[in-house]
PDB file of all heavy atoms in Angstrom:
ATOM      1  N   MET A   1       0.835  -1.201   0.000  1.00  0.00           N
ATOM      2  CA  MET A   1       0.000   0.000   0.000  1.00  0.00           C
ATOM      3  C   MET A   1       0.870   1.250   0.000  1.00  0.00           C
ATOM      4  O   MET A   1       1.659   1.466   0.919  1.00  0.00           O
ATOM      5  CB  MET A   1      -0.911   0.011   1.228  1.00  0.00           C
ATOM      6  CG  MET A   1      -1.774   1.267   1.366  1.00  0.00           C
ATOM      7  SD  MET A   1      -3.109   1.369   0.142  1.00  0.00           S
ATOM      8  CE  MET A   1      -4.231   0.125   0.812  1.00  0.00           C
ATOM      9  N   ALA A   2       0.755   2.077  -1.026  1.00  0.00           N
ATOM     10  CA  ALA A   2       1.440   3.364  -1.042  1.00  0.00           C
ATOM     11  C   ALA A   2       0.647   4.354  -0.192  1.00  0.00           C
ATOM     12  O   ALA A   2      -0.591   4.312  -0.174  1.00  0.00           O
ATOM     13  CB  ALA A   2       1.577   3.886  -2.462  1.00  0.00           C
ATOM     14  N   VAL A   3       1.353   5.237   0.517  1.00  0.00           N
ATOM     15  CA  VAL A   3       0.710   6.234   1.390  1.00  0.00           C
ATOM     16  C   VAL A   3       1.257   7.613   1.027  1.00  0.00           C
ATOM     17  O   VAL A   3       2.450   7.867   1.158  1.00  0.00           O
ATOM     18  CB  VAL A   3       0.971   5.928   2.879  1.00  0.00           C
ATOM     19  CG1 VAL A   3       0.285   6.973   3.764  1.00  0.00           C
ATOM     20  CG2 VAL A   3       0.497   4.524   3.238  1.00  0.00           C
ATOM     21  N   VAL A   4       0.362   8.488   0.568  1.00  0.00           N
ATOM     22  CA  VAL A   4       0.756   9.795   0.046  1.00  0.00           C
ATOM     23  C   VAL A   4       0.058  10.888   0.854  1.00  0.00           C
ATOM     24  O   VAL A   4      -1.165  10.860   1.017  1.00  0.00           O
ATOM     25  CB  VAL A   4       0.396   9.917  -1.443  1.00  0.00           C
ATOM     26  CG1 VAL A   4       0.776  11.292  -1.987  1.00  0.00           C
ATOM     27  CG2 VAL A   4       1.087   8.815  -2.253  1.00  0.00           C
ATOM     28  N   VAL A   5       0.847  11.871   1.347  1.00  0.00           N
ATOM     29  CA  VAL A   5       0.305  12.934   2.207  1.00  0.00           C
ATOM     30  C   VAL A   5       0.829  14.283   1.705  1.00  0.00           C
ATOM     31  O   VAL A   5       1.809  14.820   2.237  1.00  0.00           O
ATOM     32  CB  VAL A   5       0.694  12.711   3.683  1.00  0.00           C
ATOM     33  CG1 VAL A   5      -0.039  13.712   4.581  1.00  0.00           C
ATOM     34  CG2 VAL A   5       0.382  11.290   4.125  1.00  0.00           C
ATOM     35  N   PRO A   6       0.204  14.880   0.687  1.00  0.00           N
ATOM     36  CA  PRO A   6       0.665  16.159   0.151  1.00  0.00           C
ATOM     37  C   PRO A   6       0.397  17.315   1.117  1.00  0.00           C
ATOM     38  O   PRO A   6      -0.388  17.192   2.060  1.00  0.00           O
ATOM     39  CB  PRO A   6      -0.134  16.305  -1.143  1.00  0.00           C
ATOM     40  CG  PRO A   6      -1.360  15.470  -0.934  1.00  0.00           C
ATOM     41  CD  PRO A   6      -0.939  14.329  -0.058  1.00  0.00           C
ATOM     42  N   CYS A   7       1.036  18.468   0.849  1.00  0.00           N
ATOM     43  CA  CYS A   7       1.083  19.538   1.849  1.00  0.00           C
ATOM     44  C   CYS A   7       0.144  20.703   1.603  1.00  0.00           C
ATOM     45  O   CYS A   7      -0.158  21.455   2.542  1.00  0.00           O
ATOM     46  CB  CYS A   7       2.512  20.059   1.977  1.00  0.00           C
ATOM     47  SG  CYS A   7       3.139  20.877   0.496  1.00  0.00           S
ATOM     48  N   ASP A   8      -0.284  20.944   0.372  1.00  0.00           N
ATOM     49  CA  ASP A   8      -1.168  22.074   0.110  1.00  0.00           C
ATOM     50  C   ASP A   8      -2.044  21.779  -1.101  1.00  0.00           C
ATOM     51  O   ASP A   8      -2.020  20.670  -1.659  1.00  0.00           O
ATOM     52  CB  ASP A   8      -0.362  23.368  -0.077  1.00  0.00           C
ATOM     53  CG  ASP A   8       0.500  23.375  -1.344  1.00  0.00           C
ATOM     54  OD1 ASP A   8       0.541  22.361  -2.071  1.00  0.00           O
ATOM     55  OD2 ASP A   8       1.155  24.411  -1.612  1.00  0.00           O
ATOM     56  N   PHE A   9      -2.844  22.765  -1.512  1.00  0.00           N
ATOM     57  CA  PHE A   9      -3.769  22.595  -2.631  1.00  0.00           C
ATOM     58  C   PHE A   9      -3.038  22.184  -3.901  1.00  0.00           C
ATOM     59  O   PHE A   9      -3.405  21.196  -4.559  1.00  0.00           O
ATOM     60  CB  PHE A   9      -4.526  23.906  -2.854  1.00  0.00           C
ATOM     61  CG  PHE A   9      -5.397  23.933  -4.078  1.00  0.00           C
ATOM     62  CD1 PHE A   9      -6.739  23.627  -4.001  1.00  0.00           C
ATOM     63  CD2 PHE A   9      -4.870  24.295  -5.317  1.00  0.00           C
ATOM     64  CE1 PHE A   9      -7.545  23.652  -5.136  1.00  0.00           C
ATOM     65  CE2 PHE A   9      -5.658  24.322  -6.452  1.00  0.00           C
ATOM     66  CZ  PHE A   9      -7.005  23.996  -6.363  1.00  0.00           C
ATOM     67  N   ASN A  10      -2.005  22.951  -4.268  1.00  0.00           N
ATOM     68  CA  ASN A  10      -1.294  22.665  -5.512  1.00  0.00           C
ATOM     69  C   ASN A  10      -0.701  21.265  -5.519  1.00  0.00           C
ATOM     70  O   ASN A  10      -0.822  20.527  -6.504  1.00  0.00           O
ATOM     71  CB  ASN A  10      -0.173  23.688  -5.729  1.00  0.00           C
ATOM     72  CG  ASN A  10      -0.700  25.051  -6.144  1.00  0.00           C
ATOM     73  OD1 ASN A  10      -1.830  25.181  -6.613  1.00  0.00           O
ATOM     74  ND2 ASN A  10       0.121  26.084  -5.979  1.00  0.00           N
ATOM     75  N   GLN A  11      -0.047  20.892  -4.421  1.00  0.00           N
ATOM     76  CA  GLN A  11       0.593  19.583  -4.395  1.00  0.00           C
ATOM     77  C   GLN A  11      -0.433  18.449  -4.343  1.00  0.00           C
ATOM     78  O   GLN A  11      -0.193  17.378  -4.898  1.00  0.00           O
ATOM     79  CB  GLN A  11       1.565  19.474  -3.223  1.00  0.00           C
ATOM     80  CG  GLN A  11       2.441  18.228  -3.329  1.00  0.00           C
ATOM     81  CD  GLN A  11       3.569  18.223  -2.335  1.00  0.00           C
ATOM     82  OE1 GLN A  11       3.345  18.048  -1.143  1.00  0.00           O
ATOM     83  NE2 GLN A  11       4.799  18.388  -2.824  1.00  0.00           N
ATOM     84  N   THR A  12      -1.565  18.686  -3.696  1.00  0.00           N
ATOM     85  CA  THR A  12      -2.601  17.652  -3.659  1.00  0.00           C
ATOM     86  C   THR A  12      -3.157  17.396  -5.059  1.00  0.00           C
ATOM     87  O   THR A  12      -3.403  16.246  -5.437  1.00  0.00           O
ATOM     88  CB  THR A  12      -3.735  18.045  -2.698  1.00  0.00           C
ATOM     89  OG1 THR A  12      -3.186  18.294  -1.404  1.00  0.00           O
ATOM     90  CG2 THR A  12      -4.762  16.937  -2.594  1.00  0.00           C
ATOM     91  N   LYS A  13      -3.335  18.446  -5.825  1.00  0.00           N
ATOM     92  CA  LYS A  13      -3.792  18.276  -7.210  1.00  0.00           C
ATOM     93  C   LYS A  13      -2.796  17.438  -8.005  1.00  0.00           C
ATOM     94  O   LYS A  13      -3.183  16.462  -8.685  1.00  0.00           O
ATOM     95  CB  LYS A  13      -3.971  19.634  -7.881  1.00  0.00           C
ATOM     96  CG  LYS A  13      -4.357  19.529  -9.357  1.00  0.00           C
ATOM     97  CD  LYS A  13      -4.468  20.901 -10.012  1.00  0.00           C
ATOM     98  CE  LYS A  13      -4.749  20.768 -11.510  1.00  0.00           C
ATOM     99  NZ  LYS A  13      -4.853  22.098 -12.166  1.00  0.00           N
ATOM    100  N   MET A  14      -1.520  17.784  -7.916  1.00  0.00           N
ATOM    101  CA  MET A  14      -0.507  17.067  -8.686  1.00  0.00           C
ATOM    102  C   MET A  14      -0.299  15.652  -8.162  1.00  0.00           C
ATOM    103  O   MET A  14      -0.036  14.717  -8.934  1.00  0.00           O
ATOM    104  CB  MET A  14       0.802  17.849  -8.676  1.00  0.00           C
ATOM    105  CG  MET A  14       0.700  19.236  -9.291  1.00  0.00           C
ATOM    106  SD  MET A  14      -0.054  19.254 -10.952  1.00  0.00           S
ATOM    107  CE  MET A  14       1.202  18.384 -11.888  1.00  0.00           C
ATOM    108  N   ALA A  15      -0.440  15.467  -6.844  1.00  0.00           N
ATOM    109  CA  ALA A  15      -0.334  14.123  -6.278  1.00  0.00           C
ATOM    110  C   ALA A  15      -1.474  13.239  -6.776  1.00  0.00           C
ATOM    111  O   ALA A  15      -1.284  12.052  -7.049  1.00  0.00           O
ATOM    112  CB  ALA A  15      -0.344  14.196  -4.754  1.00  0.00           C
ATOM    113  N   THR A  16      -2.663  13.806  -6.907  1.00  0.00           N
ATOM    114  CA  THR A  16      -3.810  13.045  -7.414  1.00  0.00           C
ATOM    115  C   THR A  16      -3.552  12.564  -8.836  1.00  0.00           C
ATOM    116  O   THR A  16      -3.858  11.412  -9.185  1.00  0.00           O
ATOM    117  CB  THR A  16      -5.083  13.905  -7.366  1.00  0.00           C
ATOM    118  OG1 THR A  16      -5.308  14.340  -6.013  1.00  0.00           O
ATOM    119  CG2 THR A  16      -6.294  13.125  -7.855  1.00  0.00           C
ATOM    120  N   LEU A  17      -2.974  13.422  -9.653  1.00  0.00           N
ATOM    121  CA  LEU A  17      -2.638  13.025 -11.028  1.00  0.00           C
ATOM    122  C   LEU A  17      -1.600  11.902 -11.024  1.00  0.00           C
ATOM    123  O   LEU A  17      -1.679  10.963 -11.820  1.00  0.00           O
ATOM    124  CB  LEU A  17      -2.112  14.234 -11.804  1.00  0.00           C
ATOM    125  CG  LEU A  17      -3.145  15.330 -12.100  1.00  0.00           C
ATOM    126  CD1 LEU A  17      -2.457  16.583 -12.634  1.00  0.00           C
ATOM    127  CD2 LEU A  17      -4.182  14.831 -13.096  1.00  0.00           C
ATOM    128  N   ALA A  18      -0.629  11.995 -10.123  1.00  0.00           N
ATOM    129  CA  ALA A  18       0.391  10.942 -10.027  1.00  0.00           C
ATOM    130  C   ALA A  18      -0.215   9.637  -9.523  1.00  0.00           C
ATOM    131  O   ALA A  18       0.134   8.549 -10.014  1.00  0.00           O
ATOM    132  CB  ALA A  18       1.520  11.397  -9.102  1.00  0.00           C
ATOM    133  N   VAL A  19      -1.105   9.727  -8.567  1.00  0.00           N
ATOM    134  CA  VAL A  19      -1.778   8.532  -8.031  1.00  0.00           C
ATOM    135  C   VAL A  19      -2.577   7.836  -9.127  1.00  0.00           C
ATOM    136  O   VAL A  19      -2.615   6.598  -9.211  1.00  0.00           O
ATOM    137  CB  VAL A  19      -2.683   8.920  -6.844  1.00  0.00           C
ATOM    138  CG1 VAL A  19      -3.652   7.786  -6.496  1.00  0.00           C
ATOM    139  CG2 VAL A  19      -1.836   9.284  -5.628  1.00  0.00           C
ATOM    140  N   ALA A  20      -3.206   8.611  -9.993  1.00  0.00           N
ATOM    141  CA  ALA A  20      -4.005   8.032 -11.078  1.00  0.00           C
ATOM    142  C   ALA A  20      -3.149   7.205 -12.029  1.00  0.00           C
ATOM    143  O   ALA A  20      -3.636   6.245 -12.637  1.00  0.00           O
ATOM    144  CB  ALA A  20      -4.718   9.143 -11.844  1.00  0.00           C
ATOM    145  N   GLU A  21      -1.876   7.555 -12.151  1.00  0.00           N
ATOM    146  CA  GLU A  21      -0.982   6.846 -13.065  1.00  0.00           C
ATOM    147  C   GLU A  21      -0.195   5.732 -12.371  1.00  0.00           C
ATOM    148  O   GLU A  21       0.452   4.917 -13.045  1.00  0.00           O
ATOM    149  CB  GLU A  21      -0.008   7.834 -13.705  1.00  0.00           C
ATOM    150  CG  GLU A  21      -0.698   8.874 -14.595  1.00  0.00           C
ATOM    151  CD  GLU A  21       0.278   9.846 -15.209  1.00  0.00           C
ATOM    152  OE1 GLU A  21       1.487   9.727 -14.927  1.00  0.00           O
ATOM    153  OE2 GLU A  21      -0.166  10.716 -15.985  1.00  0.00           O
ATOM    154  N   TYR A  22      -0.246   5.689 -11.059  1.00  0.00           N
ATOM    155  CA  TYR A  22       0.505   4.703 -10.273  1.00  0.00           C
ATOM    156  C   TYR A  22      -0.210   3.355 -10.298  1.00  0.00           C
ATOM    157  O   TYR A  22      -1.426   3.282 -10.113  1.00  0.00           O
ATOM    158  CB  TYR A  22       0.636   5.214  -8.844  1.00  0.00           C
ATOM    159  CG  TYR A  22       1.450   4.355  -7.908  1.00  0.00           C
ATOM    160  CD1 TYR A  22       2.827   4.519  -7.803  1.00  0.00           C
ATOM    161  CD2 TYR A  22       0.841   3.399  -7.109  1.00  0.00           C
ATOM    162  CE1 TYR A  22       3.583   3.757  -6.929  1.00  0.00           C
ATOM    163  CE2 TYR A  22       1.582   2.623  -6.224  1.00  0.00           C
ATOM    164  CZ  TYR A  22       2.948   2.812  -6.138  1.00  0.00           C
ATOM    165  OH  TYR A  22       3.683   2.054  -5.257  1.00  0.00           O
ATOM    166  N   GLU A  23       0.523   2.304 -10.509  1.00  0.00           N
ATOM    167  CA  GLU A  23      -0.071   0.964 -10.571  1.00  0.00           C
ATOM    168  C   GLU A  23      -0.055   0.337  -9.183  1.00  0.00           C
ATOM    169  O   GLU A  23       1.008   0.072  -8.626  1.00  0.00           O
ATOM    170  CB  GLU A  23       0.695   0.080 -11.554  1.00  0.00           C
ATOM    171  CG  GLU A  23       0.079  -1.289 -11.773  1.00  0.00           C
ATOM    172  CD  GLU A  23      -1.286  -1.254 -12.438  1.00  0.00           C
ATOM    173  OE1 GLU A  23      -1.527  -0.340 -13.261  1.00  0.00           O
ATOM    174  OE2 GLU A  23      -2.119  -2.129 -12.134  1.00  0.00           O
ATOM    175  N   GLY A  24      -1.238   0.112  -8.612  1.00  0.00           N
ATOM    176  CA  GLY A  24      -1.335  -0.515  -7.305  1.00  0.00           C
ATOM    177  C   GLY A  24      -2.169   0.315  -6.347  1.00  0.00           C
ATOM    178  O   GLY A  24      -2.539   1.449  -6.633  1.00  0.00           O
ATOM    179  N   PRO A  25      -2.478  -0.241  -5.173  1.00  0.00           N
ATOM    180  CA  PRO A  25      -3.322   0.456  -4.209  1.00  0.00           C
ATOM    181  C   PRO A  25      -2.608   1.648  -3.570  1.00  0.00           C
ATOM    182  O   PRO A  25      -1.418   1.579  -3.278  1.00  0.00           O
ATOM    183  CB  PRO A  25      -3.635  -0.626  -3.169  1.00  0.00           C
ATOM    184  CG  PRO A  25      -2.498  -1.582  -3.263  1.00  0.00           C
ATOM    185  CD  PRO A  25      -2.086  -1.596  -4.702  1.00  0.00           C
ATOM    186  N   VAL A  26      -3.362   2.728  -3.367  1.00  0.00           N
ATOM    187  CA  VAL A  26      -2.800   3.956  -2.795  1.00  0.00           C
ATOM    188  C   VAL A  26      -3.774   4.533  -1.766  1.00  0.00           C
ATOM    189  O   VAL A  26      -4.992   4.547  -1.988  1.00  0.00           O
ATOM    190  CB  VAL A  26      -2.539   5.019  -3.881  1.00  0.00           C
ATOM    191  CG1 VAL A  26      -1.955   6.289  -3.253  1.00  0.00           C
ATOM    192  CG2 VAL A  26      -1.613   4.497  -4.963  1.00  0.00           C
ATOM    193  N   TYR A  27      -3.216   5.021  -0.673  1.00  0.00           N
ATOM    194  CA  TYR A  27      -3.967   5.800   0.312  1.00  0.00           C
ATOM    195  C   TYR A  27      -3.516   7.242   0.188  1.00  0.00           C
ATOM    196  O   TYR A  27      -2.373   7.580   0.511  1.00  0.00           O
ATOM    197  CB  TYR A  27      -3.705   5.271   1.718  1.00  0.00           C
ATOM    198  CG  TYR A  27      -4.523   5.943   2.804  1.00  0.00           C
ATOM    199  CD1 TYR A  27      -5.868   5.648   2.973  1.00  0.00           C
ATOM    200  CD2 TYR A  27      -3.928   6.857   3.672  1.00  0.00           C
ATOM    201  CE1 TYR A  27      -6.617   6.254   3.968  1.00  0.00           C
ATOM    202  CE2 TYR A  27      -4.671   7.465   4.671  1.00  0.00           C
ATOM    203  CZ  TYR A  27      -6.015   7.159   4.815  1.00  0.00           C
ATOM    204  OH  TYR A  27      -6.752   7.762   5.802  1.00  0.00           O
ATOM    205  N   LEU A  28      -4.389   8.115  -0.300  1.00  0.00           N
ATOM    206  CA  LEU A  28      -4.092   9.529  -0.511  1.00  0.00           C
ATOM    207  C   LEU A  28      -4.798  10.331   0.582  1.00  0.00           C
ATOM    208  O   LEU A  28      -6.017  10.383   0.637  1.00  0.00           O
ATOM    209  CB  LEU A  28      -4.564   9.974  -1.896  1.00  0.00           C
ATOM    210  CG  LEU A  28      -4.444  11.458  -2.236  1.00  0.00           C
ATOM    211  CD1 LEU A  28      -2.983  11.903  -2.217  1.00  0.00           C
ATOM    212  CD2 LEU A  28      -5.076  11.751  -3.592  1.00  0.00           C
ATOM    213  N   ARG A  29      -4.017  10.966   1.447  1.00  0.00           N
ATOM    214  CA  ARG A  29      -4.544  11.642   2.645  1.00  0.00           C
ATOM    215  C   ARG A  29      -4.503  13.161   2.470  1.00  0.00           C
ATOM    216  O   ARG A  29      -3.456  13.744   2.213  1.00  0.00           O
ATOM    217  CB  ARG A  29      -3.692  11.241   3.854  1.00  0.00           C
ATOM    218  CG  ARG A  29      -4.189  11.732   5.200  1.00  0.00           C
ATOM    219  CD  ARG A  29      -3.132  11.461   6.258  1.00  0.00           C
ATOM    220  NE  ARG A  29      -3.653  11.310   7.599  1.00  0.00           N
ATOM    221  CZ  ARG A  29      -3.348  12.115   8.621  1.00  0.00           C
ATOM    222  NH1 ARG A  29      -2.544  13.141   8.415  1.00  0.00           N
ATOM    223  NH2 ARG A  29      -3.846  11.889   9.818  1.00  0.00           N
ATOM    224  N   TYR A  30      -5.640  13.807   2.667  1.00  0.00           N
ATOM    225  CA  TYR A  30      -5.694  15.268   2.582  1.00  0.00           C
ATOM    226  C   TYR A  30      -6.755  15.792   3.547  1.00  0.00           C
ATOM    227  O   TYR A  30      -7.372  15.010   4.288  1.00  0.00           O
ATOM    228  CB  TYR A  30      -5.954  15.732   1.143  1.00  0.00           C
ATOM    229  CG  TYR A  30      -7.126  15.059   0.469  1.00  0.00           C
ATOM    230  CD1 TYR A  30      -8.392  15.627   0.518  1.00  0.00           C
ATOM    231  CD2 TYR A  30      -6.972  13.852  -0.225  1.00  0.00           C
ATOM    232  CE1 TYR A  30      -9.472  15.013  -0.102  1.00  0.00           C
ATOM    233  CE2 TYR A  30      -8.045  13.244  -0.844  1.00  0.00           C
ATOM    234  CZ  TYR A  30      -9.294  13.827  -0.776  1.00  0.00           C
ATOM    235  OH  TYR A  30     -10.355  13.213  -1.385  1.00  0.00           O
ATOM    236  N   GLY A  31      -6.971  17.126   3.571  1.00  0.00           N
ATOM    237  CA  GLY A  31      -7.764  17.689   4.652  1.00  0.00           C
ATOM    238  C   GLY A  31      -8.908  18.585   4.237  1.00  0.00           C
ATOM    239  O   GLY A  31      -9.126  18.891   3.066  1.00  0.00           O
ATOM    240  N   ARG A  32      -9.623  19.045   5.266  1.00  0.00           N
ATOM    241  CA  ARG A  32     -10.814  19.869   5.103  1.00  0.00           C
ATOM    242  C   ARG A  32     -10.562  21.376   5.142  1.00  0.00           C
ATOM    243  O   ARG A  32     -11.151  22.109   4.349  1.00  0.00           O
ATOM    244  CB  ARG A  32     -11.819  19.490   6.195  1.00  0.00           C
ATOM    245  CG  ARG A  32     -13.088  20.321   6.212  1.00  0.00           C
ATOM    246  CD  ARG A  32     -13.880  20.003   7.465  1.00  0.00           C
ATOM    247  NE  ARG A  32     -15.233  20.500   7.424  1.00  0.00           N
ATOM    248  CZ  ARG A  32     -16.091  20.371   8.436  1.00  0.00           C
ATOM    249  NH1 ARG A  32     -15.718  19.767   9.550  1.00  0.00           N
ATOM    250  NH2 ARG A  32     -17.314  20.852   8.337  1.00  0.00           N
ATOM    251  N   PRO A  33      -9.731  21.897   6.057  1.00  0.00           N
ATOM    252  CA  PRO A  33      -9.665  23.356   6.226  1.00  0.00           C
ATOM    253  C   PRO A  33      -8.858  24.050   5.143  1.00  0.00           C
ATOM    254  O   PRO A  33      -8.036  23.431   4.455  1.00  0.00           O
ATOM    255  CB  PRO A  33      -8.969  23.509   7.587  1.00  0.00           C
ATOM    256  CG  PRO A  33      -8.062  22.333   7.655  1.00  0.00           C
ATOM    257  CD  PRO A  33      -8.826  21.199   7.003  1.00  0.00           C
ATOM    258  N   ALA A  34      -9.104  25.338   4.996  1.00  0.00           N
ATOM    259  CA  ALA A  34      -8.279  26.159   4.115  1.00  0.00           C
ATOM    260  C   ALA A  34      -6.942  26.404   4.806  1.00  0.00           C
ATOM    261  O   ALA A  34      -6.898  26.864   5.943  1.00  0.00           O
ATOM    262  CB  ALA A  34      -8.979  27.478   3.817  1.00  0.00           C
ATOM    263  N   VAL A  35      -5.864  26.076   4.112  1.00  0.00           N
ATOM    264  CA  VAL A  35      -4.515  26.205   4.653  1.00  0.00           C
ATOM    265  C   VAL A  35      -3.643  26.935   3.631  1.00  0.00           C
ATOM    266  O   VAL A  35      -4.024  27.070   2.467  1.00  0.00           O
ATOM    267  CB  VAL A  35      -3.903  24.815   4.982  1.00  0.00           C
ATOM    268  CG1 VAL A  35      -4.687  24.139   6.103  1.00  0.00           C
ATOM    269  CG2 VAL A  35      -3.887  23.928   3.734  1.00  0.00           C
ATOM    270  N   PRO A  36      -2.471  27.420   4.027  1.00  0.00           N
ATOM    271  CA  PRO A  36      -1.603  28.119   3.067  1.00  0.00           C
ATOM    272  C   PRO A  36      -1.325  27.274   1.822  1.00  0.00           C
ATOM    273  O   PRO A  36      -1.046  26.080   1.910  1.00  0.00           O
ATOM    274  CB  PRO A  36      -0.325  28.369   3.873  1.00  0.00           C
ATOM    275  CG  PRO A  36      -0.813  28.499   5.285  1.00  0.00           C
ATOM    276  CD  PRO A  36      -1.918  27.479   5.395  1.00  0.00           C
ATOM    277  N   ASN A  37      -1.415  27.923   0.665  1.00  0.00           N
ATOM    278  CA  ASN A  37      -1.082  27.288  -0.610  1.00  0.00           C
ATOM    279  C   ASN A  37       0.209  27.921  -1.096  1.00  0.00           C
ATOM    280  O   ASN A  37       0.246  29.102  -1.437  1.00  0.00           O
ATOM    281  CB  ASN A  37      -2.216  27.524  -1.619  1.00  0.00           C
ATOM    282  CG  ASN A  37      -2.019  26.754  -2.906  1.00  0.00           C
ATOM    283  OD1 ASN A  37      -1.597  25.606  -2.888  1.00  0.00           O
ATOM    284  ND2 ASN A  37      -2.328  27.381  -4.028  1.00  0.00           N
ATOM    285  N   PHE A  38       1.290  27.154  -1.107  1.00  0.00           N
ATOM    286  CA  PHE A  38       2.608  27.770  -1.259  1.00  0.00           C
ATOM    287  C   PHE A  38       3.532  27.061  -2.232  1.00  0.00           C
ATOM    288  O   PHE A  38       4.551  27.620  -2.623  1.00  0.00           O
ATOM    289  CB  PHE A  38       3.297  27.871   0.104  1.00  0.00           C
ATOM    290  CG  PHE A  38       3.428  26.552   0.826  1.00  0.00           C
ATOM    291  CD1 PHE A  38       4.584  25.796   0.707  1.00  0.00           C
ATOM    292  CD2 PHE A  38       2.394  26.061   1.605  1.00  0.00           C
ATOM    293  CE1 PHE A  38       4.702  24.571   1.363  1.00  0.00           C
ATOM    294  CE2 PHE A  38       2.508  24.855   2.270  1.00  0.00           C
ATOM    295  CZ  PHE A  38       3.655  24.095   2.154  1.00  0.00           C
ATOM    296  N   THR A  39       3.241  25.824  -2.627  1.00  0.00           N
ATOM    297  CA  THR A  39       4.119  25.151  -3.579  1.00  0.00           C
ATOM    298  C   THR A  39       3.826  25.653  -4.993  1.00  0.00           C
ATOM    299  O   THR A  39       2.779  26.246  -5.262  1.00  0.00           O
ATOM    300  CB  THR A  39       3.969  23.626  -3.524  1.00  0.00           C
ATOM    301  OG1 THR A  39       2.621  23.265  -3.883  1.00  0.00           O
ATOM    302  CG2 THR A  39       4.279  23.088  -2.139  1.00  0.00           C
ATOM    303  N   GLU A  40       4.753  25.391  -5.884  1.00  0.00           N
ATOM    304  CA  GLU A  40       4.627  25.863  -7.259  1.00  0.00           C
ATOM    305  C   GLU A  40       3.452  25.179  -7.958  1.00  0.00           C
ATOM    306  O   GLU A  40       3.265  23.968  -7.870  1.00  0.00           O
ATOM    307  CB  GLU A  40       5.917  25.577  -8.025  1.00  0.00           C
ATOM    308  CG  GLU A  40       5.923  26.080  -9.452  1.00  0.00           C
ATOM    309  CD  GLU A  40       7.214  25.756 -10.171  1.00  0.00           C
ATOM    310  OE1 GLU A  40       8.162  25.305  -9.500  1.00  0.00           O
ATOM    311  OE2 GLU A  40       7.260  25.945 -11.397  1.00  0.00           O
ATOM    312  N   GLU A  41       2.670  25.961  -8.654  1.00  0.00           N
ATOM    313  CA  GLU A  41       1.541  25.423  -9.396  1.00  0.00           C
ATOM    314  C   GLU A  41       2.030  24.488 -10.500  1.00  0.00           C
ATOM    315  O   GLU A  41       2.969  24.806 -11.226  1.00  0.00           O
ATOM    316  CB  GLU A  41       0.715  26.560 -10.000  1.00  0.00           C
ATOM    317  CG  GLU A  41      -0.573  26.107 -10.665  1.00  0.00           C
ATOM    318  CD  GLU A  41      -1.408  27.264 -11.175  1.00  0.00           C
ATOM    319  OE1 GLU A  41      -0.906  28.416 -11.164  1.00  0.00           O
ATOM    320  OE2 GLU A  41      -2.557  27.032 -11.590  1.00  0.00           O
TER     321      GLU A  41
END
């Protein structure tokens, strides 16, 4: 089981795209509140 925990909105979007292409089961963990968005789009 792969476990992925991105840090902000931008990275969660890109992590989701990577998860879609990854072969095998994945647990993608993200959150509810608005938090700083700081990584490169």
